[in-house]
C-alpha atoms as a PDB file:
ATOM      1  CA  MET A   1      95.693  41.031 168.094  1.00  0.00           C
ATOM      2  CA  LEU A   2      98.318  43.594 166.927  1.00  0.00           C
ATOM      3  CA  GLU A   3      98.370  42.122 163.340  1.00  0.00           C
ATOM      4  CA  GLN A   4      94.630  42.447 163.179  1.00  0.00           C
ATOM      5  CA  LEU A   5      94.931  46.328 164.202  1.00  0.00           C
ATOM      6  CA  GLN A   6      97.649  46.930 161.787  1.00  0.00           C
ATOM      7  CA  GLY A   7      95.630  45.159 158.980  1.00  0.00           C
ATOM      8  CA  ILE A   8      92.478  47.362 159.898  1.00  0.00           C
ATOM      9  CA  GLN A   9      94.604  50.407 159.902  1.00  0.00           C
ATOM     10  CA  GLN A  10      95.883  49.625 156.554  1.00  0.00           C
ATOM     11  CA  ASP A  11      92.399  49.003 155.217  1.00  0.00           C
ATOM     12  CA  MET A  12      91.343  52.204 156.488  1.00  0.00           C
ATOM     13  CA  LEU A  13      94.136  54.134 154.919  1.00  0.00           C
ATOM     14  CA  GLU A  14      93.083  52.410 151.460  1.00  0.00           C
ATOM     15  CA  ALA A  15      89.462  53.622 152.069  1.00  0.00           C
ATOM     16  CA  GLN A  16      90.583  56.991 152.737  1.00  0.00           C
ATOM     17  CA  GLU A  17      92.650  56.982 149.401  1.00  0.00           C
ATOM     18  CA  GLU A  18      89.678  55.645 147.536  1.00  0.00           C
ATOM     19  CA  ILE A  19      87.435  58.360 148.855  1.00  0.00           C
ATOM     20  CA  ALA A  20      90.115  60.874 147.895  1.00  0.00           C
ATOM     21  CA  GLU A  21      89.840  59.784 144.366  1.00  0.00           C
ATOM     22  CA  GLU A  22      86.034  59.869 144.085  1.00  0.00           C
ATOM     23  CA  THR A  23      84.019  62.839 142.999  1.00  0.00           C
ATOM     24  CA  PHE A  24      80.978  64.015 144.883  1.00  0.00           C
ATOM     25  CA  THR A  25      78.261  66.046 143.153  1.00  0.00           C
ATOM     26  CA  ALA A  26      75.690  68.049 144.733  1.00  0.00           C
ATOM     27  CA  THR A  27      73.088  70.790 143.370  1.00  0.00           C
ATOM     28  CA  ALA A  28      71.336  73.680 144.878  1.00  0.00           C
ATOM     29  CA  GLY A  29      68.124  75.876 143.764  1.00  0.00           C
ATOM     30  CA  GLY A  30      66.625  72.804 141.729  1.00  0.00           C
ATOM     31  CA  GLY A  31      69.708  72.306 139.757  1.00  0.00           C
ATOM     32  CA  ILE A  32      70.495  76.025 138.925  1.00  0.00           C
ATOM     33  CA  VAL A  33      73.894  75.413 140.505  1.00  0.00           C
ATOM     34  CA  THR A  34      75.958  72.126 140.434  1.00  0.00           C
ATOM     35  CA  ALA A  35      79.251  71.551 142.494  1.00  0.00           C
ATOM     36  CA  GLU A  36      81.684  68.689 141.876  1.00  0.00           C
ATOM     37  CA  VAL A  37      84.223  68.251 144.736  1.00  0.00           C
ATOM     38  CA  SER A  38      86.756  65.459 145.037  1.00  0.00           C
ATOM     39  CA  GLY A  39      87.216  63.397 147.975  1.00  0.00           C
ATOM     40  CA  ASP A  40      90.176  65.186 149.060  1.00  0.00           C
ATOM     41  CA  ARG A  41      87.986  68.222 149.207  1.00  0.00           C
ATOM     42  CA  ARG A  42      88.931  70.206 146.081  1.00  0.00           C
ATOM     43  CA  LEU A  43      86.415  72.066 144.069  1.00  0.00           C
ATOM     44  CA  LYS A  44      86.713  70.381 140.589  1.00  0.00           C
ATOM     45  CA  ALA A  45      83.795  71.947 138.854  1.00  0.00           C
ATOM     46  CA  LEU A  46      80.879  74.588 139.455  1.00  0.00           C
ATOM     47  CA  THR A  47      78.322  74.733 136.955  1.00  0.00           C
ATOM     48  CA  ILE A  48      75.671  77.650 137.026  1.00  0.00           C
ATOM     49  CA  ASP A  49      72.673  77.692 134.702  1.00  0.00           C
ATOM     50  CA  PRO A  50      73.267  80.852 132.531  1.00  0.00           C
ATOM     51  CA  GLU A  51      69.408  81.458 132.346  1.00  0.00           C
ATOM     52  CA  VAL A  52      68.916  82.191 135.875  1.00  0.00           C
ATOM     53  CA  VAL A  53      71.777  84.655 136.276  1.00  0.00           C
ATOM     54  CA  ASP A  54      70.153  87.903 137.371  1.00  0.00           C
ATOM     55  CA  PRO A  55      72.725  90.763 137.870  1.00  0.00           C
ATOM     56  CA  GLU A  56      70.134  92.397 140.155  1.00  0.00           C
ATOM     57  CA  ASP A  57      70.255  89.505 142.521  1.00  0.00           C
ATOM     58  CA  VAL A  58      74.159  88.254 142.654  1.00  0.00           C
ATOM     59  CA  GLU A  59      73.536  87.391 146.353  1.00  0.00           C
ATOM     60  CA  MET A  60      71.096  84.463 145.877  1.00  0.00           C
ATOM     61  CA  LEU A  61      73.514  83.095 143.385  1.00  0.00           C
ATOM     62  CA  GLN A  62      76.315  83.387 145.760  1.00  0.00           C
ATOM     63  CA  ASP A  63      74.156  81.769 148.265  1.00  0.00           C
ATOM     64  CA  LEU A  64      73.301  78.829 145.993  1.00  0.00           C
ATOM     65  CA  VAL A  65      76.978  78.350 145.136  1.00  0.00           C
ATOM     66  CA  VAL A  66      77.641  78.047 148.898  1.00  0.00           C
ATOM     67  CA  VAL A  67      74.840  75.695 149.419  1.00  0.00           C
ATOM     68  CA  ALA A  68      75.881  73.303 146.612  1.00  0.00           C
ATOM     69  CA  VAL A  69      79.500  73.192 147.686  1.00  0.00           C
ATOM     70  CA  ASN A  70      78.557  72.486 151.319  1.00  0.00           C
ATOM     71  CA  LYS A  71      76.211  69.872 150.167  1.00  0.00           C
ATOM     72  CA  ALA A  72      79.147  68.075 148.286  1.00  0.00           C
ATOM     73  CA  MET A  73      81.244  68.500 151.316  1.00  0.00           C
ATOM     74  CA  GLU A  74      78.708  66.755 153.399  1.00  0.00           C
ATOM     75  CA  LYS A  75      78.581  63.999 150.980  1.00  0.00           C
ATOM     76  CA  ILE A  76      82.257  63.462 151.462  1.00  0.00           C
ATOM     77  CA  ASP A  77      81.958  63.259 155.187  1.00  0.00           C
ATOM     78  CA  GLN A  78      79.022  60.852 155.069  1.00  0.00           C
ATOM     79  CA  ALA A  79      80.816  58.580 152.767  1.00  0.00           C
ATOM     80  CA  THR A  80      83.923  58.776 155.143  1.00  0.00           C
ATOM     81  CA  SER A  81      81.736  58.000 158.227  1.00  0.00           C
ATOM     82  CA  GLU A  82      80.067  54.986 156.504  1.00  0.00           C
ATOM     83  CA  ARG A  83      83.285  53.362 155.391  1.00  0.00           C
ATOM     84  CA  MET A  84      84.994  53.901 158.883  1.00  0.00           C
ATOM     85  CA  ALA A  85      81.965  52.599 160.516  1.00  0.00           C
ATOM     86  CA  ASP A  86      82.575  49.134 158.761  1.00  0.00           C
ATOM     87  CA  PHE A  87      86.074  49.207 160.294  1.00  0.00           C
ATOM     88  CA  THR A  88      85.105  50.181 163.860  1.00  0.00           C
ATOM     89  CA  ALA A  89      82.408  47.840 163.887  1.00  0.00           C
ATOM     90  CA  GLY A  90      84.707  44.812 163.081  1.00  0.00           C
ATOM     91  CA  LEU A  91      86.775  45.819 166.194  1.00  0.00           C
ATOM     92  CA  GLY A  92      84.408  44.542 168.551  1.00  0.00           C
ATOM     93  CA  GLY A  93      86.158  43.522 171.961  1.00  0.00           C
ATOM     94  CA  ILE A  94      89.290  45.177 170.791  1.00  0.00           C
ATOM     95  CA  GLN A  95      87.857  48.745 171.353  1.00  0.00           C
ATOM     96  CA  ASP A  96      87.527  47.879 175.083  1.00  0.00           C
ATOM     97  CA  LEU A  97      91.150  47.404 175.242  1.00  0.00           C
ATOM     98  CA  LEU A  98      92.051  50.695 173.772  1.00  0.00           C
END
């Protein structure tokens, strides 16, 4: 049983490393702002459609940037939860012993 737990732990670490290497992309404002975030939660790129930049309404643009980045972060959380659920589902009766 200990070997099984160690194997699952190793698989979980590998899954976390795979997620860290992925890129998660999200948009806001119908594609006005696009954020690319790596799985280790580093902002890699931020694209803003120059045609919609209004110097009179910088707040809206700032809000869209925040929304796009947060959506990308949520995608990381979702991918992590889905991958980890695969491992915890496989534990079955072992969970009762922990």
